Amino acid sequence: MAPVTLFYRELYMEKLMARVNEDLAFIRAVVEGSRRAASVDAMPLIVWGLLTVAGIALVYTVPWLDSVYFWLAVIGLAWAYTLVRAVRRRRSDTVAWFAGHALAVLWLATLAGMTLAGFVGYFSGSLPAAAITPVIAAFFGMGVTASGALLGGRWIAWVGGLWWLSAAIIFYAPAPARLAIFGGAVLLLLVVPALVIHRRWPADV
């Protein structure tokens, strides 16, 4: 009976190892899929960042443009691009991985929260105008830090920490300088990192 028992034991171990290898292959595929998803999600962030910086530059150049309706137009344009790209991504089915989907949902939720806090907070009077930019900076810190956890990028998490530091600085900055500091943070801590991710994992959507 001993040889028979040994045979079945070896057969069981072979099947167990095959299952472990399949599980490891699946995990590797999820990680690689999440990294490919980052390239798709980076482009809307680049657009949001560039539109924001362009809007801030216009406000400093043409001061009478600085109104909530001007920013409604800027953010509305950013949302239009984001939603069109999301529909294209869904139809192409390029990325069907859980981590990639989680990253997309994370940023949609973050941008929606920022939009709600900025505009509804302003129109309702619940959020003072001076607090809008630092609150949005804190939202960016949350989104970037969580993205670093999903992608396994420690440097991305450090960028998230710099966003929170920027939010604290903007809270205490003089009123005329707040928008400029926020614009610099958007350029250095959103657009530049998103470009790095986009170049490392080129989008195919």
N, C-alpha and C. Protein backbone atom coordinates (compact mmCIF):
# COMPACT_ATOMS: atom_id res chain seq x y z
N MET A 1 0.82 -1.22 0.00
CA MET A 1 0.00 0.00 0.00
C MET A 1 0.85 1.28 0.00
N ALA A 2 2.07 1.13 0.51
CA ALA A 2 2.92 2.32 0.63
C ALA A 2 3.22 2.97 -0.71
N PRO A 3 3.58 2.15 -1.77
CA PRO A 3 3.81 2.79 -3.08
C PRO A 3 2.58 3.48 -3.63
N VAL A 4 1.41 2.90 -3.42
CA VAL A 4 0.16 3.51 -3.90
C VAL A 4 -0.10 4.81 -3.17
N THR A 5 0.08 4.81 -1.87
CA THR A 5 -0.12 6.03 -1.08
C THR A 5 0.85 7.13 -1.52
N LEU A 6 2.10 6.73 -1.75
CA LEU A 6 3.10 7.70 -2.21
C LEU A 6 2.73 8.27 -3.57
N PHE A 7 2.19 7.43 -4.46
CA PHE A 7 1.79 7.89 -5.79
C PHE A 7 0.69 8.94 -5.70
N TYR A 8 -0.34 8.66 -4.88
CA TYR A 8 -1.44 9.62 -4.75
C TYR A 8 -1.00 10.90 -4.05
N ARG A 9 -0.05 10.75 -3.12
CA ARG A 9 0.46 11.93 -2.44
C ARG A 9 1.20 12.83 -3.43
N GLU A 10 2.02 12.22 -4.27
CA GLU A 10 2.75 12.99 -5.28
C GLU A 10 1.80 13.62 -6.29
N LEU A 11 0.75 12.85 -6.66
CA LEU A 11 -0.24 13.39 -7.59
C LEU A 11 -0.97 14.58 -6.99
N TYR A 12 -1.30 14.47 -5.69
CA TYR A 12 -1.97 15.58 -4.99
C TYR A 12 -1.07 16.81 -4.94
N MET A 13 0.23 16.61 -4.64
CA MET A 13 1.16 17.73 -4.56
C MET A 13 1.34 18.40 -5.91
N GLU A 14 1.34 17.59 -6.98
CA GLU A 14 1.46 18.17 -8.32
C GLU A 14 0.26 19.05 -8.65
N LYS A 15 -0.93 18.56 -8.29
CA LYS A 15 -2.15 19.35 -8.55
C LYS A 15 -2.16 20.61 -7.69
N LEU A 16 -1.69 20.48 -6.45
CA LEU A 16 -1.65 21.63 -5.55
C LEU A 16 -0.69 22.69 -6.09
N MET A 17 0.49 22.28 -6.55
CA MET A 17 1.46 23.22 -7.09
C MET A 17 0.95 23.87 -8.37
N ALA A 18 0.24 23.08 -9.18
CA ALA A 18 -0.33 23.65 -10.40
C ALA A 18 -1.35 24.73 -10.05
N ARG A 19 -2.15 24.48 -9.00
CA ARG A 19 -3.15 25.47 -8.58
C ARG A 19 -2.48 26.72 -8.03
N VAL A 20 -1.41 26.53 -7.25
CA VAL A 20 -0.67 27.68 -6.72
C VAL A 20 -0.09 28.51 -7.85
N ASN A 21 0.48 27.85 -8.85
CA ASN A 21 1.04 28.58 -9.99
C ASN A 21 -0.02 29.35 -10.76
N GLU A 22 -1.22 28.75 -10.89
CA GLU A 22 -2.32 29.45 -11.55
C GLU A 22 -2.73 30.68 -10.76
N ASP A 23 -2.78 30.54 -9.43
CA ASP A 23 -3.15 31.68 -8.59
C ASP A 23 -2.10 32.79 -8.68
N LEU A 24 -0.83 32.42 -8.68
CA LEU A 24 0.22 33.42 -8.80
C LEU A 24 0.18 34.11 -10.16
N ALA A 25 -0.13 33.35 -11.19
CA ALA A 25 -0.25 33.94 -12.53
C ALA A 25 -1.40 34.93 -12.57
N PHE A 26 -2.50 34.59 -11.89
CA PHE A 26 -3.66 35.49 -11.86
C PHE A 26 -3.31 36.78 -11.13
N ILE A 27 -2.60 36.65 -9.99
CA ILE A 27 -2.20 37.84 -9.22
C ILE A 27 -1.29 38.73 -10.05
N ARG A 28 -0.32 38.11 -10.76
CA ARG A 28 0.56 38.90 -11.63
C ARG A 28 -0.23 39.61 -12.72
N ALA A 29 -1.25 38.91 -13.25
CA ALA A 29 -2.07 39.52 -14.31
C ALA A 29 -2.85 40.69 -13.77
N VAL A 30 -3.35 40.58 -12.52
CA VAL A 30 -4.09 41.69 -11.91
C VAL A 30 -3.19 42.89 -11.72
N VAL A 31 -1.96 42.64 -11.23
CA VAL A 31 -1.01 43.74 -11.02
C VAL A 31 -0.66 44.41 -12.33
N GLU A 32 -0.35 43.62 -13.35
CA GLU A 32 -0.02 44.19 -14.66
C GLU A 32 -1.21 44.92 -15.25
N GLY A 33 -2.40 44.38 -15.05
CA GLY A 33 -3.60 45.04 -15.55
C GLY A 33 -3.83 46.37 -14.88
N SER A 34 -3.56 46.43 -13.57
CA SER A 34 -3.74 47.70 -12.86
C SER A 34 -2.75 48.74 -13.36
N ARG A 35 -1.54 48.30 -13.69
CA ARG A 35 -0.56 49.25 -14.21
C ARG A 35 -0.94 49.73 -15.59
N ARG A 36 -1.51 48.86 -16.43
CA ARG A 36 -1.98 49.31 -17.74
C ARG A 36 -3.14 50.27 -17.57
N ALA A 37 -3.97 50.02 -16.55
CA ALA A 37 -5.11 50.91 -16.32
C ALA A 37 -4.66 52.31 -15.94
N ALA A 38 -3.49 52.40 -15.24
CA ALA A 38 -3.01 53.71 -14.84
C ALA A 38 -2.77 54.61 -16.03
N SER A 39 -2.29 54.04 -17.14
CA SER A 39 -2.04 54.86 -18.31
C SER A 39 -3.33 55.42 -18.88
N VAL A 40 -4.41 54.64 -18.77
CA VAL A 40 -5.71 55.12 -19.27
C VAL A 40 -6.25 56.22 -18.35
N ASP A 41 -6.11 56.03 -17.05
CA ASP A 41 -6.65 56.99 -16.10
C ASP A 41 -5.80 58.26 -15.99
N ALA A 42 -4.55 58.19 -16.43
CA ALA A 42 -3.68 59.36 -16.28
C ALA A 42 -4.10 60.51 -17.20
N MET A 43 -4.62 60.19 -18.37
CA MET A 43 -4.93 61.23 -19.34
C MET A 43 -6.00 62.21 -18.85
N PRO A 44 -7.11 61.76 -18.26
CA PRO A 44 -8.06 62.73 -17.73
C PRO A 44 -7.46 63.63 -16.66
N LEU A 45 -6.57 63.08 -15.82
CA LEU A 45 -5.94 63.90 -14.80
C LEU A 45 -5.05 64.97 -15.43
N ILE A 46 -4.37 64.62 -16.51
CA ILE A 46 -3.57 65.61 -17.22
C ILE A 46 -4.45 66.73 -17.75
N VAL A 47 -5.58 66.36 -18.34
CA VAL A 47 -6.51 67.36 -18.88
C VAL A 47 -7.07 68.24 -17.77
N TRP A 48 -7.51 67.62 -16.66
CA TRP A 48 -8.01 68.40 -15.53
C TRP A 48 -6.95 69.39 -15.05
N GLY A 49 -5.72 68.90 -14.92
CA GLY A 49 -4.65 69.76 -14.42
C GLY A 49 -4.33 70.91 -15.36
N LEU A 50 -4.22 70.62 -16.65
CA LEU A 50 -3.89 71.67 -17.61
C LEU A 50 -5.01 72.70 -17.72
N LEU A 51 -6.25 72.23 -17.71
CA LEU A 51 -7.37 73.17 -17.75
C LEU A 51 -7.39 74.06 -16.51
N THR A 52 -7.10 73.48 -15.37
CA THR A 52 -7.08 74.26 -14.12
C THR A 52 -5.97 75.31 -14.16
N VAL A 53 -4.77 74.90 -14.57
CA VAL A 53 -3.65 75.84 -14.65
C VAL A 53 -3.94 76.94 -15.67
N ALA A 54 -4.52 76.56 -16.82
CA ALA A 54 -4.88 77.56 -17.83
C ALA A 54 -5.92 78.53 -17.28
N GLY A 55 -6.90 78.00 -16.54
CA GLY A 55 -7.92 78.86 -15.95
C GLY A 55 -7.33 79.84 -14.95
N ILE A 56 -6.41 79.36 -14.12
CA ILE A 56 -5.77 80.24 -13.14
C ILE A 56 -4.95 81.32 -13.85
N ALA A 57 -4.23 80.94 -14.89
CA ALA A 57 -3.44 81.92 -15.65
C ALA A 57 -4.35 82.98 -16.27
N LEU A 58 -5.49 82.56 -16.79
CA LEU A 58 -6.43 83.51 -17.38
C LEU A 58 -7.00 84.46 -16.33
N VAL A 59 -7.28 83.92 -15.14
CA VAL A 59 -7.84 84.75 -14.06
C VAL A 59 -6.84 85.83 -13.64
N TYR A 60 -5.55 85.48 -13.57
CA TYR A 60 -4.54 86.47 -13.20
C TYR A 60 -4.29 87.47 -14.33
N THR A 61 -4.48 86.99 -15.58
CA THR A 61 -4.27 87.88 -16.73
C THR A 61 -5.46 88.79 -16.96
N VAL A 62 -6.66 88.19 -16.86
CA VAL A 62 -7.91 88.95 -17.07
C VAL A 62 -8.74 88.82 -15.80
N PRO A 63 -8.53 89.68 -14.81
CA PRO A 63 -9.16 89.53 -13.49
C PRO A 63 -10.68 89.45 -13.50
N TRP A 64 -11.34 90.10 -14.48
CA TRP A 64 -12.80 90.09 -14.47
C TRP A 64 -13.37 88.72 -14.80
N LEU A 65 -12.53 87.79 -15.28
CA LEU A 65 -12.99 86.43 -15.54
C LEU A 65 -13.20 85.62 -14.27
N ASP A 66 -12.60 86.08 -13.18
CA ASP A 66 -12.63 85.31 -11.94
C ASP A 66 -14.02 85.31 -11.32
N SER A 67 -14.82 84.32 -11.70
CA SER A 67 -16.16 84.17 -11.16
C SER A 67 -16.49 82.68 -11.10
N VAL A 68 -17.50 82.36 -10.33
CA VAL A 68 -17.89 80.96 -10.19
C VAL A 68 -18.37 80.39 -11.52
N TYR A 69 -18.94 81.25 -12.37
CA TYR A 69 -19.45 80.78 -13.67
C TYR A 69 -18.31 80.45 -14.63
N PHE A 70 -17.22 81.19 -14.53
CA PHE A 70 -16.04 80.85 -15.34
C PHE A 70 -15.52 79.48 -14.95
N TRP A 71 -15.43 79.21 -13.64
CA TRP A 71 -14.94 77.92 -13.19
C TRP A 71 -15.93 76.80 -13.46
N LEU A 72 -17.21 77.13 -13.49
CA LEU A 72 -18.20 76.13 -13.91
C LEU A 72 -17.93 75.68 -15.34
N ALA A 73 -17.59 76.63 -16.21
CA ALA A 73 -17.29 76.29 -17.60
C ALA A 73 -16.02 75.45 -17.70
N VAL A 74 -14.98 75.81 -16.95
CA VAL A 74 -13.72 75.07 -16.99
C VAL A 74 -13.91 73.64 -16.50
N ILE A 75 -14.55 73.50 -15.35
CA ILE A 75 -14.76 72.16 -14.77
C ILE A 75 -15.75 71.37 -15.61
N GLY A 76 -16.74 72.04 -16.17
CA GLY A 76 -17.68 71.34 -17.05
C GLY A 76 -16.97 70.75 -18.27
N LEU A 77 -16.02 71.51 -18.82
CA LEU A 77 -15.24 71.01 -19.96
C LEU A 77 -14.40 69.79 -19.55
N ALA A 78 -13.81 69.86 -18.36
CA ALA A 78 -13.01 68.74 -17.86
C ALA A 78 -13.87 67.50 -17.66
N TRP A 79 -15.07 67.70 -17.11
CA TRP A 79 -15.97 66.57 -16.90
C TRP A 79 -16.43 65.97 -18.23
N ALA A 80 -16.68 66.81 -19.22
CA ALA A 80 -17.10 66.31 -20.53
C ALA A 80 -16.03 65.40 -21.11
N TYR A 81 -14.78 65.84 -21.05
CA TYR A 81 -13.69 65.01 -21.56
C TYR A 81 -13.60 63.70 -20.79
N THR A 82 -13.69 63.79 -19.47
CA THR A 82 -13.56 62.59 -18.63
C THR A 82 -14.64 61.57 -18.94
N LEU A 83 -15.88 62.01 -19.07
CA LEU A 83 -16.98 61.09 -19.31
C LEU A 83 -16.91 60.48 -20.70
N VAL A 84 -16.53 61.28 -21.70
CA VAL A 84 -16.38 60.74 -23.05
C VAL A 84 -15.29 59.68 -23.07
N ARG A 85 -14.18 59.95 -22.41
CA ARG A 85 -13.10 58.98 -22.37
C ARG A 85 -13.51 57.72 -21.62
N ALA A 86 -14.28 57.88 -20.55
CA ALA A 86 -14.74 56.71 -19.79
C ALA A 86 -15.63 55.82 -20.65
N VAL A 87 -16.49 56.44 -21.46
CA VAL A 87 -17.37 55.66 -22.35
C VAL A 87 -16.53 54.92 -23.39
N ARG A 88 -15.54 55.60 -23.96
CA ARG A 88 -14.67 54.95 -24.95
C ARG A 88 -13.91 53.78 -24.32
N ARG A 89 -13.45 53.98 -23.10
CA ARG A 89 -12.72 52.92 -22.42
C ARG A 89 -13.62 51.72 -22.17
N ARG A 90 -14.86 51.98 -21.77
CA ARG A 90 -15.79 50.88 -21.50
C ARG A 90 -16.10 50.10 -22.77
N ARG A 91 -16.28 50.80 -23.88
CA ARG A 91 -16.61 50.13 -25.14
C ARG A 91 -15.43 49.33 -25.68
N SER A 92 -14.22 49.86 -25.49
CA SER A 92 -13.05 49.15 -26.02
C SER A 92 -12.73 47.91 -25.20
N ASP A 93 -13.14 47.93 -23.91
CA ASP A 93 -12.89 46.79 -23.03
C ASP A 93 -11.40 46.44 -23.00
N THR A 94 -10.54 47.47 -23.08
CA THR A 94 -9.11 47.23 -23.08
C THR A 94 -8.64 46.70 -21.73
N VAL A 95 -9.20 47.24 -20.66
CA VAL A 95 -8.77 46.86 -19.32
C VAL A 95 -9.97 46.27 -18.58
N ALA A 96 -9.90 45.00 -18.26
CA ALA A 96 -11.00 44.33 -17.58
C ALA A 96 -10.55 43.83 -16.21
N TRP A 97 -9.61 44.54 -15.59
CA TRP A 97 -9.05 44.08 -14.33
C TRP A 97 -9.68 44.82 -13.17
N PHE A 98 -9.77 44.13 -12.02
CA PHE A 98 -10.39 44.72 -10.84
C PHE A 98 -9.65 45.97 -10.38
N ALA A 99 -8.30 45.88 -10.29
CA ALA A 99 -7.51 47.01 -9.79
C ALA A 99 -7.68 48.24 -10.68
N GLY A 100 -7.73 48.02 -12.00
CA GLY A 100 -7.93 49.15 -12.91
C GLY A 100 -9.29 49.79 -12.73
N HIS A 101 -10.30 48.95 -12.55
CA HIS A 101 -11.65 49.47 -12.31
C HIS A 101 -11.69 50.25 -11.00
N ALA A 102 -11.03 49.72 -9.96
CA ALA A 102 -11.00 50.40 -8.67
C ALA A 102 -10.33 51.77 -8.79
N LEU A 103 -9.27 51.85 -9.57
CA LEU A 103 -8.57 53.12 -9.77
C LEU A 103 -9.47 54.13 -10.47
N ALA A 104 -10.18 53.68 -11.49
CA ALA A 104 -11.08 54.58 -12.22
C ALA A 104 -12.20 55.08 -11.31
N VAL A 105 -12.79 54.17 -10.53
CA VAL A 105 -13.87 54.55 -9.61
C VAL A 105 -13.35 55.51 -8.55
N LEU A 106 -12.12 55.24 -8.05
CA LEU A 106 -11.52 56.12 -7.05
C LEU A 106 -11.45 57.56 -7.55
N TRP A 107 -10.96 57.76 -8.80
CA TRP A 107 -10.78 59.12 -9.29
C TRP A 107 -12.10 59.76 -9.69
N LEU A 108 -13.04 58.97 -10.19
CA LEU A 108 -14.36 59.53 -10.46
C LEU A 108 -15.00 60.03 -9.17
N ALA A 109 -14.86 59.24 -8.09
CA ALA A 109 -15.42 59.65 -6.80
C ALA A 109 -14.70 60.87 -6.24
N THR A 110 -13.37 60.90 -6.39
CA THR A 110 -12.59 62.04 -5.90
C THR A 110 -12.95 63.32 -6.63
N LEU A 111 -13.02 63.25 -7.96
CA LEU A 111 -13.37 64.44 -8.75
C LEU A 111 -14.81 64.88 -8.49
N ALA A 112 -15.71 63.91 -8.30
CA ALA A 112 -17.10 64.26 -7.99
C ALA A 112 -17.17 64.94 -6.62
N GLY A 113 -16.43 64.44 -5.65
CA GLY A 113 -16.42 65.07 -4.33
C GLY A 113 -15.86 66.47 -4.37
N MET A 114 -14.80 66.67 -5.15
CA MET A 114 -14.22 68.00 -5.30
C MET A 114 -15.22 68.96 -5.93
N THR A 115 -15.90 68.49 -6.98
CA THR A 115 -16.88 69.34 -7.67
C THR A 115 -18.02 69.71 -6.73
N LEU A 116 -18.50 68.73 -5.98
CA LEU A 116 -19.60 68.97 -5.03
C LEU A 116 -19.19 69.96 -3.96
N ALA A 117 -18.01 69.74 -3.37
CA ALA A 117 -17.55 70.63 -2.31
C ALA A 117 -17.33 72.04 -2.84
N GLY A 118 -16.74 72.14 -4.02
CA GLY A 118 -16.42 73.46 -4.55
C GLY A 118 -17.64 74.28 -4.93
N PHE A 119 -18.54 73.69 -5.71
CA PHE A 119 -19.67 74.47 -6.23
C PHE A 119 -20.88 74.48 -5.29
N VAL A 120 -21.29 73.32 -4.81
CA VAL A 120 -22.42 73.29 -3.88
C VAL A 120 -22.06 73.98 -2.58
N GLY A 121 -20.81 73.75 -2.12
CA GLY A 121 -20.37 74.44 -0.92
C GLY A 121 -20.39 75.94 -1.08
N TYR A 122 -19.99 76.42 -2.26
CA TYR A 122 -19.98 77.86 -2.52
C TYR A 122 -21.38 78.42 -2.62
N PHE A 123 -22.23 77.82 -3.45
CA PHE A 123 -23.58 78.35 -3.67
C PHE A 123 -24.45 78.27 -2.41
N SER A 124 -24.21 77.26 -1.59
CA SER A 124 -25.00 77.13 -0.36
C SER A 124 -24.48 78.01 0.76
N GLY A 125 -23.27 78.51 0.60
CA GLY A 125 -22.67 79.32 1.64
C GLY A 125 -22.04 78.51 2.75
N SER A 126 -22.04 77.18 2.61
CA SER A 126 -21.48 76.33 3.66
C SER A 126 -19.96 76.34 3.66
N LEU A 127 -19.36 76.56 2.48
CA LEU A 127 -17.91 76.57 2.36
C LEU A 127 -17.45 77.94 1.91
N PRO A 128 -16.70 78.65 2.75
CA PRO A 128 -16.21 79.98 2.35
C PRO A 128 -15.35 79.89 1.09
N ALA A 129 -15.40 80.92 0.27
CA ALA A 129 -14.63 80.91 -0.98
C ALA A 129 -13.14 80.72 -0.73
N ALA A 130 -12.64 81.27 0.37
CA ALA A 130 -11.21 81.16 0.66
C ALA A 130 -10.79 79.74 1.00
N ALA A 131 -11.74 78.89 1.38
CA ALA A 131 -11.41 77.52 1.78
C ALA A 131 -11.53 76.53 0.63
N ILE A 132 -12.02 76.96 -0.53
CA ILE A 132 -12.27 76.02 -1.62
C ILE A 132 -10.97 75.39 -2.13
N THR A 133 -9.97 76.19 -2.44
CA THR A 133 -8.74 75.63 -3.01
C THR A 133 -8.01 74.70 -2.04
N PRO A 134 -7.87 75.03 -0.75
CA PRO A 134 -7.20 74.07 0.13
C PRO A 134 -7.99 72.77 0.33
N VAL A 135 -9.31 72.87 0.33
CA VAL A 135 -10.13 71.66 0.45
C VAL A 135 -9.95 70.78 -0.78
N ILE A 136 -9.93 71.39 -1.96
CA ILE A 136 -9.70 70.62 -3.19
C ILE A 136 -8.30 70.00 -3.17
N ALA A 137 -7.31 70.74 -2.66
CA ALA A 137 -5.96 70.18 -2.55
C ALA A 137 -5.95 68.95 -1.64
N ALA A 138 -6.73 68.99 -0.57
CA ALA A 138 -6.82 67.83 0.32
C ALA A 138 -7.46 66.65 -0.40
N PHE A 139 -8.46 66.91 -1.24
CA PHE A 139 -9.07 65.84 -2.04
C PHE A 139 -8.04 65.21 -2.97
N PHE A 140 -7.23 66.05 -3.61
CA PHE A 140 -6.17 65.54 -4.49
C PHE A 140 -5.20 64.66 -3.69
N GLY A 141 -4.86 65.09 -2.49
CA GLY A 141 -3.98 64.30 -1.65
C GLY A 141 -4.55 62.92 -1.37
N MET A 142 -5.84 62.87 -1.09
CA MET A 142 -6.50 61.58 -0.84
C MET A 142 -6.46 60.69 -2.08
N GLY A 143 -6.80 61.25 -3.24
CA GLY A 143 -6.83 60.46 -4.47
C GLY A 143 -5.46 59.96 -4.89
N VAL A 144 -4.45 60.83 -4.77
CA VAL A 144 -3.10 60.45 -5.19
C VAL A 144 -2.54 59.40 -4.25
N THR A 145 -2.74 59.56 -2.94
CA THR A 145 -2.22 58.59 -1.98
C THR A 145 -2.86 57.21 -2.20
N ALA A 146 -4.18 57.18 -2.39
CA ALA A 146 -4.85 55.91 -2.63
C ALA A 146 -4.39 55.28 -3.95
N SER A 147 -4.10 56.10 -4.95
CA SER A 147 -3.59 55.59 -6.23
C SER A 147 -2.23 54.93 -6.03
N GLY A 148 -1.40 55.54 -5.19
CA GLY A 148 -0.11 54.94 -4.90
C GLY A 148 -0.24 53.57 -4.27
N ALA A 149 -1.25 53.40 -3.40
CA ALA A 149 -1.47 52.10 -2.76
C ALA A 149 -1.93 51.07 -3.79
N LEU A 150 -2.81 51.48 -4.70
CA LEU A 150 -3.31 50.56 -5.71
C LEU A 150 -2.23 50.16 -6.71
N LEU A 151 -1.36 51.10 -7.06
CA LEU A 151 -0.34 50.84 -8.08
C LEU A 151 0.97 50.33 -7.49
N GLY A 152 1.08 50.37 -6.17
CA GLY A 152 2.33 49.93 -5.56
C GLY A 152 3.47 50.89 -5.78
N GLY A 153 3.16 52.18 -5.97
CA GLY A 153 4.20 53.18 -6.21
C GLY A 153 4.39 54.05 -4.97
N ARG A 154 5.51 53.85 -4.27
CA ARG A 154 5.76 54.63 -3.05
C ARG A 154 5.90 56.10 -3.37
N TRP A 155 6.52 56.42 -4.51
CA TRP A 155 6.71 57.83 -4.86
C TRP A 155 5.39 58.53 -5.08
N ILE A 156 4.38 57.79 -5.56
CA ILE A 156 3.06 58.39 -5.75
C ILE A 156 2.45 58.76 -4.40
N ALA A 157 2.64 57.87 -3.41
CA ALA A 157 2.13 58.16 -2.07
C ALA A 157 2.81 59.40 -1.48
N TRP A 158 4.11 59.58 -1.75
CA TRP A 158 4.82 60.78 -1.29
C TRP A 158 4.24 62.04 -1.94
N VAL A 159 3.85 61.93 -3.20
CA VAL A 159 3.21 63.07 -3.87
C VAL A 159 1.90 63.42 -3.17
N GLY A 160 1.15 62.37 -2.75
CA GLY A 160 -0.08 62.61 -2.00
C GLY A 160 0.19 63.37 -0.71
N GLY A 161 1.28 63.00 -0.02
CA GLY A 161 1.64 63.73 1.19
C GLY A 161 1.98 65.18 0.92
N LEU A 162 2.64 65.45 -0.20
CA LEU A 162 2.95 66.83 -0.58
C LEU A 162 1.68 67.62 -0.88
N TRP A 163 0.65 66.93 -1.39
CA TRP A 163 -0.64 67.59 -1.62
C TRP A 163 -1.24 68.06 -0.29
N TRP A 164 -1.18 67.22 0.73
CA TRP A 164 -1.72 67.62 2.03
C TRP A 164 -0.92 68.76 2.64
N LEU A 165 0.40 68.73 2.45
CA LEU A 165 1.22 69.85 2.90
C LEU A 165 0.84 71.13 2.17
N SER A 166 0.60 71.01 0.86
CA SER A 166 0.17 72.17 0.08
C SER A 166 -1.16 72.71 0.57
N ALA A 167 -2.09 71.81 0.93
CA ALA A 167 -3.39 72.24 1.45
C ALA A 167 -3.22 73.06 2.72
N ALA A 168 -2.34 72.59 3.62
CA ALA A 168 -2.10 73.33 4.86
C ALA A 168 -1.49 74.70 4.58
N ILE A 169 -0.56 74.76 3.63
CA ILE A 169 0.08 76.04 3.28
C ILE A 169 -0.95 77.00 2.70
N ILE A 170 -1.82 76.49 1.82
CA ILE A 170 -2.83 77.37 1.19
C ILE A 170 -3.79 77.92 2.23
N PHE A 171 -4.14 77.11 3.25
CA PHE A 171 -5.04 77.60 4.31
C PHE A 171 -4.46 78.84 4.98
N TYR A 172 -3.15 78.87 5.17
CA TYR A 172 -2.53 79.98 5.90
C TYR A 172 -1.97 81.07 4.98
N ALA A 173 -1.98 80.84 3.68
CA ALA A 173 -1.41 81.81 2.74
C ALA A 173 -2.29 83.04 2.63
N PRO A 174 -1.71 84.18 2.28
CA PRO A 174 -2.51 85.39 2.04
C PRO A 174 -3.47 85.16 0.88
N ALA A 175 -4.62 85.80 0.93
CA ALA A 175 -5.66 85.58 -0.07
C ALA A 175 -5.17 85.75 -1.51
N PRO A 176 -4.39 86.79 -1.85
CA PRO A 176 -3.98 86.95 -3.25
C PRO A 176 -3.08 85.82 -3.75
N ALA A 177 -2.40 85.12 -2.83
CA ALA A 177 -1.43 84.10 -3.25
C ALA A 177 -2.03 82.69 -3.29
N ARG A 178 -3.21 82.51 -2.74
CA ARG A 178 -3.76 81.15 -2.61
C ARG A 178 -3.94 80.46 -3.96
N LEU A 179 -4.52 81.16 -4.89
CA LEU A 179 -4.80 80.56 -6.20
C LEU A 179 -3.49 80.24 -6.94
N ALA A 180 -2.49 81.11 -6.79
CA ALA A 180 -1.21 80.87 -7.46
C ALA A 180 -0.51 79.64 -6.87
N ILE A 181 -0.55 79.50 -5.54
CA ILE A 181 0.06 78.34 -4.90
C ILE A 181 -0.66 77.06 -5.33
N PHE A 182 -1.98 77.14 -5.38
CA PHE A 182 -2.76 75.98 -5.80
C PHE A 182 -2.42 75.61 -7.25
N GLY A 183 -2.28 76.62 -8.11
CA GLY A 183 -1.94 76.35 -9.51
C GLY A 183 -0.58 75.69 -9.64
N GLY A 184 0.40 76.17 -8.84
CA GLY A 184 1.72 75.54 -8.85
C GLY A 184 1.66 74.10 -8.38
N ALA A 185 0.83 73.82 -7.37
CA ALA A 185 0.68 72.45 -6.87
C ALA A 185 0.04 71.55 -7.93
N VAL A 186 -0.96 72.07 -8.62
CA VAL A 186 -1.61 71.29 -9.68
C VAL A 186 -0.60 70.93 -10.77
N LEU A 187 0.21 71.90 -11.14
CA LEU A 187 1.19 71.66 -12.21
C LEU A 187 2.25 70.64 -11.79
N LEU A 188 2.81 70.82 -10.58
CA LEU A 188 3.93 69.98 -10.14
C LEU A 188 3.49 68.65 -9.54
N LEU A 189 2.34 68.62 -8.88
CA LEU A 189 1.93 67.43 -8.13
C LEU A 189 0.80 66.65 -8.78
N LEU A 190 0.26 67.17 -9.89
CA LEU A 190 -0.78 66.43 -10.61
C LEU A 190 -0.37 66.19 -12.06
N VAL A 191 -0.09 67.28 -12.79
CA VAL A 191 0.21 67.15 -14.21
C VAL A 191 1.52 66.39 -14.42
N VAL A 192 2.57 66.76 -13.71
CA VAL A 192 3.87 66.11 -13.91
C VAL A 192 3.83 64.62 -13.54
N PRO A 193 3.31 64.23 -12.36
CA PRO A 193 3.22 62.80 -12.06
C PRO A 193 2.34 62.03 -13.05
N ALA A 194 1.23 62.65 -13.47
CA ALA A 194 0.35 61.98 -14.44
C ALA A 194 1.07 61.78 -15.78
N LEU A 195 1.88 62.75 -16.19
CA LEU A 195 2.66 62.60 -17.41
C LEU A 195 3.68 61.47 -17.29
N VAL A 196 4.30 61.36 -16.11
CA VAL A 196 5.26 60.28 -15.89
C VAL A 196 4.58 58.92 -16.02
N ILE A 197 3.41 58.79 -15.40
CA ILE A 197 2.65 57.52 -15.47
C ILE A 197 2.22 57.26 -16.91
N HIS A 198 1.77 58.30 -17.59
CA HIS A 198 1.30 58.14 -18.96
C HIS A 198 2.44 57.70 -19.89
N ARG A 199 3.62 58.23 -19.68
CA ARG A 199 4.77 57.86 -20.53
C ARG A 199 5.28 56.46 -20.19
N ARG A 200 5.15 56.08 -18.94
CA ARG A 200 5.64 54.76 -18.54
C ARG A 200 4.71 53.66 -19.01
N TRP A 201 3.40 53.92 -18.97
CA TRP A 201 2.42 52.94 -19.43
C TRP A 201 1.53 53.63 -20.47
N PRO A 202 1.97 53.73 -21.70
CA PRO A 202 1.22 54.49 -22.73
C PRO A 202 -0.21 54.01 -22.86
N ALA A 203 -1.12 54.96 -22.99
CA ALA A 203 -2.54 54.62 -23.13
C ALA A 203 -2.82 54.03 -24.48
N ASP A 204 -3.75 53.08 -24.51
CA ASP A 204 -4.15 52.48 -25.77
C ASP A 204 -5.63 52.65 -26.02
N VAL A 205 -6.22 53.69 -25.42
CA VAL A 205 -7.65 53.98 -25.61
C VAL A 205 -7.77 55.31 -26.29
